[in-house]
């Protein structure tokens, strides 16, 4: 795939930039699903995350969400 990309008119730097943007946008929803599943004893059994890890996980998810929303806000200006 990398060799074929050299023969297309796609700018590799722009492709890397947009793949990082898409990754950042998608990662928020993935983190929400992971937090919901990791918190449930029915799913994780004895390996369900503790309250401390749950708080840290939701804080990290919130930071990612704020970063994503601010990116869209600054791109809109």
PDB file of N, CA and C in Angstrom:
ATOM      1  N   UNK A   1       0.834  -1.197   0.000  1.00  0.00           N
ATOM      2  CA  UNK A   1       0.000   0.000   0.000  1.00  0.00           C
ATOM      3  C   UNK A   1       0.872   1.251   0.000  1.00  0.00           C
ATOM      4  N   UNK A   2       1.945   1.228   0.773  1.00  0.00           N
ATOM      5  CA  UNK A   2       2.811   2.401   0.840  1.00  0.00           C
ATOM      6  C   UNK A   2       3.464   2.717  -0.488  1.00  0.00           C
ATOM      7  N   UNK A   3       3.880   1.686  -1.217  1.00  0.00           N
ATOM      8  CA  UNK A   3       4.503   1.894  -2.527  1.00  0.00           C
ATOM      9  C   UNK A   3       3.472   2.419  -3.515  1.00  0.00           C
ATOM     10  N   UNK A   4       2.265   1.894  -3.477  1.00  0.00           N
ATOM     11  CA  UNK A   4       1.216   2.374  -4.373  1.00  0.00           C
ATOM     12  C   UNK A   4       0.853   3.820  -4.082  1.00  0.00           C
ATOM     13  N   UNK A   5       0.954   4.223  -2.819  1.00  0.00           N
ATOM     14  CA  UNK A   5       0.642   5.599  -2.451  1.00  0.00           C
ATOM     15  C   UNK A   5       1.603   6.582  -3.121  1.00  0.00           C
ATOM     16  N   UNK A   6       2.822   6.147  -3.398  1.00  0.00           N
ATOM     17  CA  UNK A   6       3.804   7.012  -4.064  1.00  0.00           C
ATOM     18  C   UNK A   6       3.381   7.359  -5.483  1.00  0.00           C
ATOM     19  N   UNK A   7       2.585   6.524  -6.101  1.00  0.00           N
ATOM     20  CA  UNK A   7       2.177   6.746  -7.483  1.00  0.00           C
ATOM     21  C   UNK A   7       0.816   7.417  -7.612  1.00  0.00           C
ATOM     22  N   UNK A   8       0.258   7.873  -6.519  1.00  0.00           N
ATOM     23  CA  UNK A   8      -1.021   8.596  -6.552  1.00  0.00           C
ATOM     24  C   UNK A   8      -0.769  10.078  -6.299  1.00  0.00           C
ATOM     25  N   UNK A   9      -1.719  10.918  -6.664  1.00  0.00           N
ATOM     26  CA  UNK A   9      -1.530  12.355  -6.427  1.00  0.00           C
ATOM     27  C   UNK A   9      -1.808  12.786  -4.984  1.00  0.00           C
ATOM     28  N   UNK A  10      -2.010  11.830  -4.087  1.00  0.00           N
ATOM     29  CA  UNK A  10      -2.311  12.147  -2.684  1.00  0.00           C
ATOM     30  C   UNK A  10      -1.040  12.612  -1.989  1.00  0.00           C
ATOM     31  N   UNK A  11      -1.136  13.760  -1.312  1.00  0.00           N
ATOM     32  CA  UNK A  11      -0.008  14.270  -0.538  1.00  0.00           C
ATOM     33  C   UNK A  11       0.107  13.449   0.751  1.00  0.00           C
ATOM     34  N   UNK A  12       1.244  12.800   0.993  1.00  0.00           N
ATOM     35  CA  UNK A  12       1.344  11.936   2.177  1.00  0.00           C
ATOM     36  C   UNK A  12       1.231  12.692   3.497  1.00  0.00           C
ATOM     37  N   UNK A  13       1.691  13.931   3.540  1.00  0.00           N
ATOM     38  CA  UNK A  13       1.588  14.708   4.773  1.00  0.00           C
ATOM     39  C   UNK A  13       0.132  15.035   5.076  1.00  0.00           C
ATOM     40  N   UNK A  14      -0.632  15.399   4.054  1.00  0.00           N
ATOM     41  CA  UNK A  14      -2.066  15.658   4.265  1.00  0.00           C
ATOM     42  C   UNK A  14      -2.792  14.381   4.667  1.00  0.00           C
ATOM     43  N   UNK A  15      -2.388  13.258   4.097  1.00  0.00           N
ATOM     44  CA  UNK A  15      -3.015  11.988   4.454  1.00  0.00           C
ATOM     45  C   UNK A  15      -2.738  11.646   5.918  1.00  0.00           C
ATOM     46  N   UNK A  16      -1.512  11.881   6.376  1.00  0.00           N
ATOM     47  CA  UNK A  16      -1.189  11.643   7.785  1.00  0.00           C
ATOM     48  C   UNK A  16      -1.978  12.577   8.693  1.00  0.00           C
ATOM     49  N   UNK A  17      -2.095  13.836   8.292  1.00  0.00           N
ATOM     50  CA  UNK A  17      -2.838  14.818   9.088  1.00  0.00           C
ATOM     51  C   UNK A  17      -4.290  14.390   9.232  1.00  0.00           C
ATOM     52  N   UNK A  18      -4.937  14.061   8.110  1.00  0.00           N
ATOM     53  CA  UNK A  18      -6.356  13.718   8.174  1.00  0.00           C
ATOM     54  C   UNK A  18      -6.600  12.379   8.863  1.00  0.00           C
ATOM     55  N   UNK A  19      -5.656  11.454   8.757  1.00  0.00           N
ATOM     56  CA  UNK A  19      -5.831  10.203   9.494  1.00  0.00           C
ATOM     57  C   UNK A  19      -5.736  10.445  10.996  1.00  0.00           C
ATOM     58  N   UNK A  20      -4.880  11.388  11.420  1.00  0.00           N
ATOM     59  CA  UNK A  20      -4.794  11.728  12.844  1.00  0.00           C
ATOM     60  C   UNK A  20      -6.061  12.429  13.311  1.00  0.00           C
ATOM     61  N   UNK A  21      -6.634  13.289  12.479  1.00  0.00           N
ATOM     62  CA  UNK A  21      -7.879  13.973  12.838  1.00  0.00           C
ATOM     63  C   UNK A  21      -9.011  12.953  12.994  1.00  0.00           C
ATOM     64  N   UNK A  22      -9.135  12.048  12.038  1.00  0.00           N
ATOM     65  CA  UNK A  22     -10.185  11.030  12.107  1.00  0.00           C
ATOM     66  C   UNK A  22      -9.981  10.139  13.333  1.00  0.00           C
ATOM     67  N   UNK A  23      -8.746   9.786  13.618  1.00  0.00           N
ATOM     68  CA  UNK A  23      -8.440   8.970  14.794  1.00  0.00           C
ATOM     69  C   UNK A  23      -8.852   9.688  16.077  1.00  0.00           C
ATOM     70  N   UNK A  24      -8.588  10.988  16.167  1.00  0.00           N
ATOM     71  CA  UNK A  24      -8.961  11.751  17.354  1.00  0.00           C
ATOM     72  C   UNK A  24     -10.461  11.856  17.538  1.00  0.00           C
ATOM     73  N   UNK A  25     -11.191  11.990  16.449  1.00  0.00           N
ATOM     74  CA  UNK A  25     -12.651  12.099  16.530  1.00  0.00           C
ATOM     75  C   UNK A  25     -13.271  10.758  16.927  1.00  0.00           C
ATOM     76  N   UNK A  26     -12.800   9.691  16.336  1.00  0.00           N
ATOM     77  CA  UNK A  26     -13.361   8.367  16.614  1.00  0.00           C
ATOM     78  C   UNK A  26     -12.994   7.874  18.010  1.00  0.00           C
ATOM     79  N   UNK A  27     -11.831   8.288  18.498  1.00  0.00           N
ATOM     80  CA  UNK A  27     -11.352   7.756  19.779  1.00  0.00           C
ATOM     81  C   UNK A  27     -12.259   8.122  20.954  1.00  0.00           C
ATOM     82  N   UNK A  28     -12.960   9.241  20.874  1.00  0.00           N
ATOM     83  CA  UNK A  28     -13.853   9.627  21.977  1.00  0.00           C
ATOM     84  C   UNK A  28     -14.974   8.596  22.140  1.00  0.00           C
ATOM     85  N   UNK A  29     -15.611   8.229  21.039  1.00  0.00           N
ATOM     86  CA  UNK A  29     -16.704   7.255  21.149  1.00  0.00           C
ATOM     87  C   UNK A  29     -16.179   5.882  21.563  1.00  0.00           C
ATOM     88  N   UNK A  30     -14.985   5.516  21.115  1.00  0.00           N
ATOM     89  CA  UNK A  30     -14.403   4.239  21.521  1.00  0.00           C
ATOM     90  C   UNK A  30     -14.108   4.246  23.018  1.00  0.00           C
ATOM     91  N   UNK A  31     -13.592   5.375  23.532  1.00  0.00           N
ATOM     92  CA  UNK A  31     -13.306   5.469  24.965  1.00  0.00           C
ATOM     93  C   UNK A  31     -14.577   5.373  25.795  1.00  0.00           C
ATOM     94  N   UNK A  32     -15.674   5.958  25.306  1.00  0.00           N
ATOM     95  CA  UNK A  32     -16.951   5.868  26.029  1.00  0.00           C
ATOM     96  C   UNK A  32     -17.404   4.418  26.118  1.00  0.00           C
ATOM     97  N   UNK A  33     -17.341   3.698  25.010  1.00  0.00           N
ATOM     98  CA  UNK A  33     -17.760   2.289  25.006  1.00  0.00           C
ATOM     99  C   UNK A  33     -16.859   1.455  25.921  1.00  0.00           C
ATOM    100  N   UNK A  34     -15.557   1.702  25.866  1.00  0.00           N
ATOM    101  CA  UNK A  34     -14.632   0.963  26.728  1.00  0.00           C
ATOM    102  C   UNK A  34     -14.942   1.228  28.198  1.00  0.00           C
ATOM    103  N   UNK A  35     -15.193   2.487  28.553  1.00  0.00           N
ATOM    104  CA  UNK A  35     -15.499   2.811  29.945  1.00  0.00           C
ATOM    105  C   UNK A  35     -16.804   2.157  30.397  1.00  0.00           C
ATOM    106  N   UNK A  36     -17.808   2.174  29.542  1.00  0.00           N
ATOM    107  CA  UNK A  36     -19.080   1.548  29.912  1.00  0.00           C
ATOM    108  C   UNK A  36     -18.919   0.041  30.098  1.00  0.00           C
ATOM    109  N   UNK A  37     -18.189  -0.599  29.208  1.00  0.00           N
ATOM    110  CA  UNK A  37     -18.000  -2.050  29.325  1.00  0.00           C
ATOM    111  C   UNK A  37     -17.100  -2.417  30.497  1.00  0.00           C
ATOM    112  N   UNK A  38     -16.038  -1.646  30.712  1.00  0.00           N
ATOM    113  CA  UNK A  38     -15.093  -1.977  31.790  1.00  0.00           C
ATOM    114  C   UNK A  38     -15.713  -1.756  33.166  1.00  0.00           C
ATOM    115  N   UNK A  39     -16.740  -0.944  33.267  1.00  0.00           N
ATOM    116  CA  UNK A  39     -17.382  -0.668  34.549  1.00  0.00           C
ATOM    117  C   UNK A  39     -18.414  -1.722  34.938  1.00  0.00           C
ATOM    118  N   UNK A  40     -18.871  -2.510  34.001  1.00  0.00           N
ATOM    119  CA  UNK A  40     -19.948  -3.469  34.263  1.00  0.00           C
ATOM    120  C   UNK A  40     -19.409  -4.799  34.766  1.00  0.00           C
ATOM    121  N   UNK A  41     -19.888  -5.205  35.919  1.00  0.00           N
ATOM    122  CA  UNK A  41     -19.486  -6.496  36.488  1.00  0.00           C
ATOM    123  C   UNK A  41     -20.032  -7.665  35.659  1.00  0.00           C
ATOM    124  N   UNK A  42     -21.185  -7.461  35.017  1.00  0.00           N
ATOM    125  CA  UNK A  42     -21.760  -8.530  34.189  1.00  0.00           C
ATOM    126  C   UNK A  42     -20.858  -8.860  33.006  1.00  0.00           C
ATOM    127  N   UNK A  43     -20.121  -7.865  32.534  1.00  0.00           N
ATOM    128  CA  UNK A  43     -19.241  -8.065  31.381  1.00  0.00           C
ATOM    129  C   UNK A  43     -17.848  -8.484  31.821  1.00  0.00           C
ATOM    130  N   UNK A  44     -17.291  -7.791  32.810  1.00  0.00           N
ATOM    131  CA  UNK A  44     -15.891  -7.988  33.201  1.00  0.00           C
ATOM    132  C   UNK A  44     -15.708  -8.971  34.352  1.00  0.00           C
ATOM    133  N   UNK A  45     -16.773  -9.269  35.069  1.00  0.00           N
ATOM    134  CA  UNK A  45     -16.661 -10.169  36.208  1.00  0.00           C
ATOM    135  C   UNK A  45     -15.765  -9.574  37.286  1.00  0.00           C
ATOM    136  N   UNK A  46     -14.825 -10.348  37.802  1.00  0.00           N
ATOM    137  CA  UNK A  46     -13.959  -9.824  38.874  1.00  0.00           C
ATOM    138  C   UNK A  46     -12.934  -8.801  38.374  1.00  0.00           C
ATOM    139  N   UNK A  47     -12.844  -8.613  37.069  1.00  0.00           N
ATOM    140  CA  UNK A  47     -11.868  -7.690  36.512  1.00  0.00           C
ATOM    141  C   UNK A  47     -12.444  -6.313  36.213  1.00  0.00           C
ATOM    142  N   UNK A  48     -13.663  -6.047  36.690  1.00  0.00           N
ATOM    143  CA  UNK A  48     -14.269  -4.723  36.496  1.00  0.00           C
ATOM    144  C   UNK A  48     -13.403  -3.677  37.185  1.00  0.00           C
ATOM    145  N   UNK A  49     -13.353  -2.492  36.592  1.00  0.00           N
ATOM    146  CA  UNK A  49     -12.452  -1.454  37.106  1.00  0.00           C
ATOM    147  C   UNK A  49     -12.998  -0.855  38.406  1.00  0.00           C
ATOM    148  N   UNK A  50     -12.070  -0.374  39.226  1.00  0.00           N
ATOM    149  CA  UNK A  50     -12.442   0.216  40.507  1.00  0.00           C
ATOM    150  C   UNK A  50     -12.942   1.642  40.298  1.00  0.00           C
ATOM    151  N   UNK A  51     -13.467   2.226  41.374  1.00  0.00           N
ATOM    152  CA  UNK A  51     -13.996   3.586  41.296  1.00  0.00           C
ATOM    153  C   UNK A  51     -12.892   4.581  40.939  1.00  0.00           C
ATOM    154  N   UNK A  52     -11.699   4.384  41.480  1.00  0.00           N
ATOM    155  CA  UNK A  52     -10.588   5.297  41.190  1.00  0.00           C
ATOM    156  C   UNK A  52     -10.239   5.270  39.700  1.00  0.00           C
ATOM    157  N   UNK A  53     -10.133   4.095  39.136  1.00  0.00           N
ATOM    158  CA  UNK A  53      -9.822   3.969  37.715  1.00  0.00           C
ATOM    159  C   UNK A  53     -10.984   4.470  36.867  1.00  0.00           C
ATOM    160  N   UNK A  54     -12.203   4.250  37.336  1.00  0.00           N
ATOM    161  CA  UNK A  54     -13.384   4.739  36.610  1.00  0.00           C
ATOM    162  C   UNK A  54     -13.384   6.259  36.535  1.00  0.00           C
ATOM    163  N   UNK A  55     -13.049   6.924  37.632  1.00  0.00           N
ATOM    164  CA  UNK A  55     -12.991   8.387  37.648  1.00  0.00           C
ATOM    165  C   UNK A  55     -11.893   8.888  36.721  1.00  0.00           C
ATOM    166  N   UNK A  56     -10.718   8.254  36.786  1.00  0.00           N
ATOM    167  CA  UNK A  56      -9.620   8.652  35.902  1.00  0.00           C
ATOM    168  C   UNK A  56      -9.963   8.396  34.433  1.00  0.00           C
ATOM    169  N   UNK A  57     -10.620   7.292  34.150  1.00  0.00           N
ATOM    170  CA  UNK A  57     -11.006   6.977  32.778  1.00  0.00           C
ATOM    171  C   UNK A  57     -12.005   7.961  32.210  1.00  0.00           C
ATOM    172  N   UNK A  58     -13.020   8.316  33.019  1.00  0.00           N
ATOM    173  CA  UNK A  58     -14.000   9.295  32.542  1.00  0.00           C
ATOM    174  C   UNK A  58     -13.382  10.683  32.426  1.00  0.00           C
ATOM    175  N   UNK A  59     -12.422  10.990  33.287  1.00  0.00           N
ATOM    176  CA  UNK A  59     -11.724  12.275  33.167  1.00  0.00           C
ATOM    177  C   UNK A  59     -10.927  12.324  31.861  1.00  0.00           C
ATOM    178  N   UNK A  60     -10.243  11.235  31.540  1.00  0.00           N
ATOM    179  CA  UNK A  60      -9.509  11.170  30.275  1.00  0.00           C
ATOM    180  C   UNK A  60     -10.433  11.248  29.072  1.00  0.00           C
ATOM    181  N   UNK A  61     -11.581  10.607  29.169  1.00  0.00           N
ATOM    182  CA  UNK A  61     -12.568  10.678  28.094  1.00  0.00           C
ATOM    183  C   UNK A  61     -13.082  12.099  27.948  1.00  0.00           C
ATOM    184  N   UNK A  62     -13.313  12.776  29.064  1.00  0.00           N
ATOM    185  CA  UNK A  62     -13.765  14.165  29.015  1.00  0.00           C
ATOM    186  C   UNK A  62     -12.722  15.093  28.408  1.00  0.00           C
ATOM    187  N   UNK A  63     -11.470  14.875  28.744  1.00  0.00           N
ATOM    188  CA  UNK A  63     -10.396  15.696  28.169  1.00  0.00           C
ATOM    189  C   UNK A  63     -10.325  15.484  26.659  1.00  0.00           C
ATOM    190  N   UNK A  64     -10.436  14.236  26.225  1.00  0.00           N
ATOM    191  CA  UNK A  64     -10.431  13.953  24.784  1.00  0.00           C
ATOM    192  C   UNK A  64     -11.623  14.602  24.100  1.00  0.00           C
ATOM    193  N   UNK A  65     -12.774  14.587  24.746  1.00  0.00           N
ATOM    194  CA  UNK A  65     -13.971  15.195  24.177  1.00  0.00           C
ATOM    195  C   UNK A  65     -13.811  16.709  24.066  1.00  0.00           C
ATOM    196  N   UNK A  66     -13.275  17.329  25.097  1.00  0.00           N
ATOM    197  CA  UNK A  66     -13.040  18.781  25.061  1.00  0.00           C
ATOM    198  C   UNK A  66     -12.035  19.123  23.971  1.00  0.00           C
ATOM    199  N   UNK A  67     -10.988  18.321  23.824  1.00  0.00           N
ATOM    200  CA  UNK A  67      -9.993  18.569  22.777  1.00  0.00           C
ATOM    201  C   UNK A  67     -10.620  18.451  21.389  1.00  0.00           C
ATOM    202  N   UNK A  68     -11.474  17.451  21.201  1.00  0.00           N
ATOM    203  CA  UNK A  68     -12.122  17.281  19.907  1.00  0.00           C
ATOM    204  C   UNK A  68     -13.068  18.437  19.605  1.00  0.00           C
ATOM    205  N   UNK A  69     -13.873  18.810  20.601  1.00  0.00           N
ATOM    206  CA  UNK A  69     -14.813  19.919  20.378  1.00  0.00           C
ATOM    207  C   UNK A  69     -14.085  21.236  20.150  1.00  0.00           C
ATOM    208  N   UNK A  70     -13.004  21.463  20.859  1.00  0.00           N
ATOM    209  CA  UNK A  70     -12.251  22.702  20.644  1.00  0.00           C
ATOM    210  C   UNK A  70     -11.572  22.705  19.285  1.00  0.00           C
ATOM    211  N   UNK A  71     -11.165  21.541  18.808  1.00  0.00           N
ATOM    212  CA  UNK A  71     -10.585  21.460  17.455  1.00  0.00           C
ATOM    213  C   UNK A  71     -11.620  21.893  16.427  1.00  0.00           C
ATOM    214  N   UNK A  72     -12.844  21.372  16.529  1.00  0.00           N
ATOM    215  CA  UNK A  72     -13.882  21.767  15.596  1.00  0.00           C
ATOM    216  C   UNK A  72     -14.242  23.244  15.755  1.00  0.00           C
ATOM    217  N   UNK A  73     -14.218  23.738  16.986  1.00  0.00           N
ATOM    218  CA  UNK A  73     -14.542  25.136  17.230  1.00  0.00           C
ATOM    219  C   UNK A  73     -13.502  26.051  16.574  1.00  0.00           C
ATOM    220  N   UNK A  74     -12.216  25.709  16.742  1.00  0.00           N
ATOM    221  CA  UNK A  74     -11.157  26.540  16.160  1.00  0.00           C
ATOM    222  C   UNK A  74     -11.087  26.387  14.646  1.00  0.00           C
ATOM    223  N   UNK A  75     -11.436  25.217  14.112  1.00  0.00           N
ATOM    224  CA  UNK A  75     -11.454  25.056  12.662  1.00  0.00           C
ATOM    225  C   UNK A  75     -12.587  25.847  12.035  1.00  0.00           C
ATOM    226  N   UNK A  76     -13.667  26.051  12.791  1.00  0.00           N
ATOM    227  CA  UNK A  76     -14.814  26.799  12.275  1.00  0.00           C
ATOM    228  C   UNK A  76     -14.592  28.299  12.238  1.00  0.00           C
ATOM    229  N   UNK A  77     -13.610  28.768  12.940  1.00  0.00           N
ATOM    230  CA  UNK A  77     -13.354  30.216  12.967  1.00  0.00           C
ATOM    231  C   UNK A  77     -12.471  30.653  11.842  1.00  0.00           C
TER     232      UNK A  77
END
